[in-house]
PDB file of all heavy atoms in Angstrom:
ATOM      1  N   THR A   1       0.859  -1.179   0.000  1.00  0.00           N
ATOM      2  CA  THR A   1       0.000   0.000   0.000  1.00  0.00           C
ATOM      3  C   THR A   1       0.899   1.233   0.000  1.00  0.00           C
ATOM      4  O   THR A   1       2.103   1.148   0.270  1.00  0.00           O
ATOM      5  CB  THR A   1      -0.905   0.034   1.246  1.00  0.00           C
ATOM      6  OG1 THR A   1      -0.075   0.178   2.413  1.00  0.00           O
ATOM      7  CG2 THR A   1      -1.765  -1.218   1.356  1.00  0.00           C
ATOM      8  N   LEU A   2       0.336   2.367  -0.276  1.00  0.00           N
ATOM      9  CA  LEU A   2       1.098   3.608  -0.250  1.00  0.00           C
ATOM     10  C   LEU A   2       1.697   3.822   1.139  1.00  0.00           C
ATOM     11  O   LEU A   2       2.855   4.234   1.280  1.00  0.00           O
ATOM     12  CB  LEU A   2       0.205   4.787  -0.641  1.00  0.00           C
ATOM     13  CG  LEU A   2       0.871   6.149  -0.729  1.00  0.00           C
ATOM     14  CD1 LEU A   2       2.025   6.124  -1.717  1.00  0.00           C
ATOM     15  CD2 LEU A   2      -0.140   7.201  -1.137  1.00  0.00           C
ATOM     16  N   GLU A   3       0.940   3.500   2.173  1.00  0.00           N
ATOM     17  CA  GLU A   3       1.433   3.652   3.540  1.00  0.00           C
ATOM     18  C   GLU A   3       2.615   2.719   3.805  1.00  0.00           C
ATOM     19  O   GLU A   3       3.628   3.131   4.367  1.00  0.00           O
ATOM     20  CB  GLU A   3       0.311   3.362   4.531  1.00  0.00           C
ATOM     21  CG  GLU A   3       0.724   3.542   5.982  1.00  0.00           C
ATOM     22  CD  GLU A   3      -0.407   3.252   6.948  1.00  0.00           C
ATOM     23  OE1 GLU A   3      -1.224   2.351   6.660  1.00  0.00           O
ATOM     24  OE2 GLU A   3      -0.454   3.922   7.982  1.00  0.00           O
ATOM     25  N   GLU A   4       2.517   1.457   3.389  1.00  0.00           N
ATOM     26  CA  GLU A   4       3.616   0.509   3.574  1.00  0.00           C
ATOM     27  C   GLU A   4       4.863   0.966   2.827  1.00  0.00           C
ATOM     28  O   GLU A   4       5.978   0.893   3.353  1.00  0.00           O
ATOM     29  CB  GLU A   4       3.205  -0.883   3.092  1.00  0.00           C
ATOM     30  CG  GLU A   4       2.187  -1.569   3.971  1.00  0.00           C
ATOM     31  CD  GLU A   4       1.606  -2.823   3.331  1.00  0.00           C
ATOM     32  OE1 GLU A   4       1.582  -2.935   2.081  1.00  0.00           O
ATOM     33  OE2 GLU A   4       1.170  -3.696   4.098  1.00  0.00           O
ATOM     34  N   ALA A   5       4.682   1.435   1.607  1.00  0.00           N
ATOM     35  CA  ALA A   5       5.809   1.918   0.812  1.00  0.00           C
ATOM     36  C   ALA A   5       6.479   3.120   1.484  1.00  0.00           C
ATOM     37  O   ALA A   5       7.707   3.202   1.561  1.00  0.00           O
ATOM     38  CB  ALA A   5       5.354   2.280  -0.590  1.00  0.00           C
ATOM     39  N   PHE A   6       5.679   4.044   2.007  1.00  0.00           N
ATOM     40  CA  PHE A   6       6.211   5.224   2.689  1.00  0.00           C
ATOM     41  C   PHE A   6       7.031   4.821   3.906  1.00  0.00           C
ATOM     42  O   PHE A   6       8.146   5.289   4.104  1.00  0.00           O
ATOM     43  CB  PHE A   6       5.073   6.160   3.107  1.00  0.00           C
ATOM     44  CG  PHE A   6       5.537   7.329   3.932  1.00  0.00           C
ATOM     45  CD1 PHE A   6       6.128   8.422   3.331  1.00  0.00           C
ATOM     46  CD2 PHE A   6       5.388   7.314   5.314  1.00  0.00           C
ATOM     47  CE1 PHE A   6       6.574   9.488   4.095  1.00  0.00           C
ATOM     48  CE2 PHE A   6       5.825   8.383   6.076  1.00  0.00           C
ATOM     49  CZ  PHE A   6       6.419   9.476   5.467  1.00  0.00           C
ATOM     50  N   PHE A   7       6.479   3.929   4.738  1.00  0.00           N
ATOM     51  CA  PHE A   7       7.202   3.512   5.934  1.00  0.00           C
ATOM     52  C   PHE A   7       8.463   2.732   5.590  1.00  0.00           C
ATOM     53  O   PHE A   7       9.474   2.861   6.280  1.00  0.00           O
ATOM     54  CB  PHE A   7       6.299   2.714   6.873  1.00  0.00           C
ATOM     55  CG  PHE A   7       5.325   3.577   7.638  1.00  0.00           C
ATOM     56  CD1 PHE A   7       3.979   3.295   7.609  1.00  0.00           C
ATOM     57  CD2 PHE A   7       5.755   4.664   8.370  1.00  0.00           C
ATOM     58  CE1 PHE A   7       3.077   4.086   8.300  1.00  0.00           C
ATOM     59  CE2 PHE A   7       4.876   5.466   9.077  1.00  0.00           C
ATOM     60  CZ  PHE A   7       3.530   5.176   9.038  1.00  0.00           C
ATOM     61  N   ASP A   8       8.446   1.937   4.537  1.00  0.00           N
ATOM     62  CA  ASP A   8       9.650   1.237   4.102  1.00  0.00           C
ATOM     63  C   ASP A   8      10.733   2.217   3.669  1.00  0.00           C
ATOM     64  O   ASP A   8      11.911   2.038   3.966  1.00  0.00           O
ATOM     65  CB  ASP A   8       9.349   0.271   2.958  1.00  0.00           C
ATOM     66  CG  ASP A   8       8.690  -1.011   3.415  1.00  0.00           C
ATOM     67  OD1 ASP A   8       8.711  -1.297   4.636  1.00  0.00           O
ATOM     68  OD2 ASP A   8       8.154  -1.725   2.552  1.00  0.00           O
ATOM     69  N   LEU A   9      10.335   3.258   2.965  1.00  0.00           N
ATOM     70  CA  LEU A   9      11.297   4.232   2.468  1.00  0.00           C
ATOM     71  C   LEU A   9      11.843   5.139   3.563  1.00  0.00           C
ATOM     72  O   LEU A   9      12.969   5.636   3.471  1.00  0.00           O
ATOM     73  CB  LEU A   9      10.659   5.096   1.373  1.00  0.00           C
ATOM     74  CG  LEU A   9      10.381   4.393   0.056  1.00  0.00           C
ATOM     75  CD1 LEU A   9       9.557   5.297  -0.851  1.00  0.00           C
ATOM     76  CD2 LEU A   9      11.678   3.998  -0.631  1.00  0.00           C
ATOM     77  N   THR A  10      11.060   5.376   4.607  1.00  0.00           N
ATOM     78  CA  THR A  10      11.454   6.355   5.626  1.00  0.00           C
ATOM     79  C   THR A  10      11.779   5.736   6.980  1.00  0.00           C
ATOM     80  O   THR A  10      11.977   6.466   7.945  1.00  0.00           O
ATOM     81  CB  THR A  10      10.333   7.402   5.813  1.00  0.00           C
ATOM     82  OG1 THR A  10       9.140   6.744   6.239  1.00  0.00           O
ATOM     83  CG2 THR A  10      10.084   8.171   4.536  1.00  0.00           C
ATOM     84  N   ARG A  11      11.873   4.423   7.070  1.00  0.00           N
ATOM     85  CA  ARG A  11      12.054   3.779   8.385  1.00  0.00           C
ATOM     86  C   ARG A  11      13.327   4.232   9.092  1.00  0.00           C
ATOM     87  O   ARG A  11      13.387   4.261  10.298  1.00  0.00           O
ATOM     88  CB  ARG A  11      11.993   2.269   8.259  1.00  0.00           C
ATOM     89  CG  ARG A  11      13.326   1.579   7.998  1.00  0.00           C
ATOM     90  CD  ARG A  11      13.203   0.088   8.070  1.00  0.00           C
ATOM     91  NE  ARG A  11      12.146  -0.322   7.178  1.00  0.00           N
ATOM     92  CZ  ARG A  11      12.235  -1.234   6.249  1.00  0.00           C
ATOM     93  NH1 ARG A  11      13.346  -1.901   6.110  1.00  0.00           N
ATOM     94  NH2 ARG A  11      11.243  -1.517   5.450  1.00  0.00           N
ATOM     95  N   ASP A  12      14.369   4.578   8.370  1.00  0.00           N
ATOM     96  CA  ASP A  12      15.626   4.976   9.005  1.00  0.00           C
ATOM     97  C   ASP A  12      15.800   6.489   9.084  1.00  0.00           C
ATOM     98  O   ASP A  12      16.850   6.960   9.519  1.00  0.00           O
ATOM     99  CB  ASP A  12      16.807   4.367   8.240  1.00  0.00           C
ATOM    100  CG  ASP A  12      16.804   2.852   8.296  1.00  0.00           C
ATOM    101  OD1 ASP A  12      16.399   2.299   9.339  1.00  0.00           O
ATOM    102  OD2 ASP A  12      17.190   2.223   7.300  1.00  0.00           O
ATOM    103  N   GLU A  13      14.817   7.235   8.684  1.00  0.00           N
ATOM    104  CA  GLU A  13      14.904   8.692   8.676  1.00  0.00           C
ATOM    105  C   GLU A  13      14.238   9.266   9.924  1.00  0.00           C
ATOM    106  O   GLU A  13      13.101   8.958  10.227  1.00  0.00           O
ATOM    107  CB  GLU A  13      14.204   9.262   7.441  1.00  0.00           C
ATOM    108  CG  GLU A  13      14.780   8.771   6.129  1.00  0.00           C
ATOM    109  CD  GLU A  13      16.220   9.176   5.916  1.00  0.00           C
ATOM    110  OE1 GLU A  13      16.606  10.299   6.289  1.00  0.00           O
ATOM    111  OE2 GLU A  13      16.980   8.348   5.392  1.00  0.00           O
ATOM    112  N   THR A  14      14.977  10.069  10.666  1.00  0.00           N
ATOM    113  CA  THR A  14      14.415  10.751  11.833  1.00  0.00           C
ATOM    114  C   THR A  14      14.928  12.175  11.873  1.00  0.00           C
ATOM    115  O   THR A  14      16.063  12.464  11.503  1.00  0.00           O
ATOM    116  CB  THR A  14      14.788  10.047  13.152  1.00  0.00           C
ATOM    117  OG1 THR A  14      16.207   9.983  13.244  1.00  0.00           O
ATOM    118  CG2 THR A  14      14.199   8.655  13.246  1.00  0.00           C
ATOM    119  N   ASP A  15      14.086  13.077  12.331  1.00  0.00           N
ATOM    120  CA  ASP A  15      14.504  14.460  12.538  1.00  0.00           C
ATOM    121  C   ASP A  15      14.990  14.652  13.967  1.00  0.00           C
ATOM    122  O   ASP A  15      15.872  15.450  14.236  1.00  0.00           O
ATOM    123  CB  ASP A  15      13.349  15.423  12.257  1.00  0.00           C
ATOM    124  CG  ASP A  15      13.019  15.498  10.777  1.00  0.00           C
ATOM    125  OD1 ASP A  15      13.931  15.272   9.960  1.00  0.00           O
ATOM    126  OD2 ASP A  15      11.863  15.770  10.437  1.00  0.00           O
ATOM    127  N   TYR A  16      14.363  13.920  14.886  1.00  0.00           N
ATOM    128  CA  TYR A  16      14.674  14.070  16.303  1.00  0.00           C
ATOM    129  C   TYR A  16      14.821  12.694  16.933  1.00  0.00           C
ATOM    130  O   TYR A  16      14.145  11.760  16.553  1.00  0.00           O
ATOM    131  CB  TYR A  16      13.561  14.830  17.024  1.00  0.00           C
ATOM    132  CG  TYR A  16      13.300  16.187  16.432  1.00  0.00           C
ATOM    133  CD1 TYR A  16      12.237  16.384  15.557  1.00  0.00           C
ATOM    134  CD2 TYR A  16      14.121  17.257  16.729  1.00  0.00           C
ATOM    135  CE1 TYR A  16      12.004  17.628  14.994  1.00  0.00           C
ATOM    136  CE2 TYR A  16      13.898  18.499  16.164  1.00  0.00           C
ATOM    137  CZ  TYR A  16      12.832  18.674  15.304  1.00  0.00           C
ATOM    138  OH  TYR A  16      12.618  19.898  14.753  1.00  0.00           O
ATOM    139  N   HIS A  17      15.692  12.614  17.897  1.00  0.00           N
ATOM    140  CA  HIS A  17      15.870  11.388  18.654  1.00  0.00           C
ATOM    141  C   HIS A  17      15.427  11.652  20.090  1.00  0.00           C
ATOM    142  O   HIS A  17      15.554  12.770  20.600  1.00  0.00           O
ATOM    143  CB  HIS A  17      17.332  10.939  18.635  1.00  0.00           C
ATOM    144  CG  HIS A  17      17.817  10.584  17.268  1.00  0.00           C
ATOM    145  ND1 HIS A  17      17.574   9.369  16.695  1.00  0.00           N
ATOM    146  CD2 HIS A  17      18.515  11.303  16.346  1.00  0.00           C
ATOM    147  CE1 HIS A  17      18.097   9.341  15.483  1.00  0.00           C
ATOM    148  NE2 HIS A  17      18.678  10.504  15.245  1.00  0.00           N
ATOM    149  N   ALA A  18      14.932  10.648  20.769  1.00  0.00           N
ATOM    150  CA  ALA A  18      14.428  10.801  22.131  1.00  0.00           C
ATOM    151  C   ALA A  18      15.479  11.388  23.060  1.00  0.00           C
ATOM    152  O   ALA A  18      15.185  12.219  23.911  1.00  0.00           O
ATOM    153  CB  ALA A  18      13.926   9.467  22.656  1.00  0.00           C
ATOM    154  N   ALA A  19      16.727  10.981  22.918  1.00  0.00           N
ATOM    155  CA  ALA A  19      17.792  11.498  23.780  1.00  0.00           C
ATOM    156  C   ALA A  19      17.976  12.994  23.591  1.00  0.00           C
ATOM    157  O   ALA A  19      18.225  13.719  24.549  1.00  0.00           O
ATOM    158  CB  ALA A  19      19.100  10.760  23.507  1.00  0.00           C
ATOM    159  N   GLN A  20      17.836  13.478  22.373  1.00  0.00           N
ATOM    160  CA  GLN A  20      17.970  14.915  22.117  1.00  0.00           C
ATOM    161  C   GLN A  20      16.861  15.684  22.822  1.00  0.00           C
ATOM    162  O   GLN A  20      17.086  16.727  23.392  1.00  0.00           O
ATOM    163  CB  GLN A  20      17.906  15.203  20.625  1.00  0.00           C
ATOM    164  CG  GLN A  20      19.100  14.702  19.846  1.00  0.00           C
ATOM    165  CD  GLN A  20      18.900  14.878  18.347  1.00  0.00           C
ATOM    166  OE1 GLN A  20      17.782  14.816  17.857  1.00  0.00           O
ATOM    167  NE2 GLN A  20      19.989  15.055  17.629  1.00  0.00           N
ATOM    168  N   LEU A  21      15.644  15.165  22.773  1.00  0.00           N
ATOM    169  CA  LEU A  21      14.515  15.859  23.376  1.00  0.00           C
ATOM    170  C   LEU A  21      14.552  15.771  24.896  1.00  0.00           C
ATOM    171  O   LEU A  21      14.213  16.721  25.587  1.00  0.00           O
ATOM    172  CB  LEU A  21      13.207  15.265  22.853  1.00  0.00           C
ATOM    173  CG  LEU A  21      12.965  15.441  21.339  1.00  0.00           C
ATOM    174  CD1 LEU A  21      11.692  14.727  20.943  1.00  0.00           C
ATOM    175  CD2 LEU A  21      12.888  16.910  20.987  1.00  0.00           C
ATOM    176  N   ALA A  22      14.998  14.647  25.436  1.00  0.00           N
ATOM    177  CA  ALA A  22      15.040  14.469  26.887  1.00  0.00           C
ATOM    178  C   ALA A  22      16.034  15.428  27.531  1.00  0.00           C
ATOM    179  O   ALA A  22      15.798  15.928  28.617  1.00  0.00           O
ATOM    180  CB  ALA A  22      15.393  13.029  27.228  1.00  0.00           C
ATOM    181  N   GLY A  23      17.140  15.711  26.861  1.00  0.00           N
ATOM    182  CA  GLY A  23      18.152  16.600  27.414  1.00  0.00           C
ATOM    183  C   GLY A  23      17.921  18.069  27.083  1.00  0.00           C
ATOM    184  O   GLY A  23      18.638  18.933  27.517  1.00  0.00           O
ATOM    185  N   SER A  24      16.867  18.358  26.362  1.00  0.00           N
ATOM    186  CA  SER A  24      16.592  19.723  25.932  1.00  0.00           C
ATOM    187  C   SER A  24      15.974  20.532  27.063  1.00  0.00           C
ATOM    188  O   SER A  24      15.128  20.055  27.787  1.00  0.00           O
ATOM    189  CB  SER A  24      15.662  19.711  24.733  1.00  0.00           C
ATOM    190  OG  SER A  24      15.316  21.023  24.389  1.00  0.00           O
ATOM    191  N   SER A  25      16.414  21.762  27.224  1.00  0.00           N
ATOM    192  CA  SER A  25      15.810  22.638  28.242  1.00  0.00           C
ATOM    193  C   SER A  25      14.989  23.746  27.581  1.00  0.00           C
ATOM    194  O   SER A  25      14.484  24.628  28.243  1.00  0.00           O
ATOM    195  CB  SER A  25      16.894  23.248  29.123  1.00  0.00           C
ATOM    196  OG  SER A  25      17.776  24.020  28.317  1.00  0.00           O
TER     197      SER A  25
END
């Protein structure tokens, strides 16, 4: 499906990581 294709293409792409947000003030 279009959704499956999108998630396959973007699975390794992130703008933010949890560690970055947790340490943010």
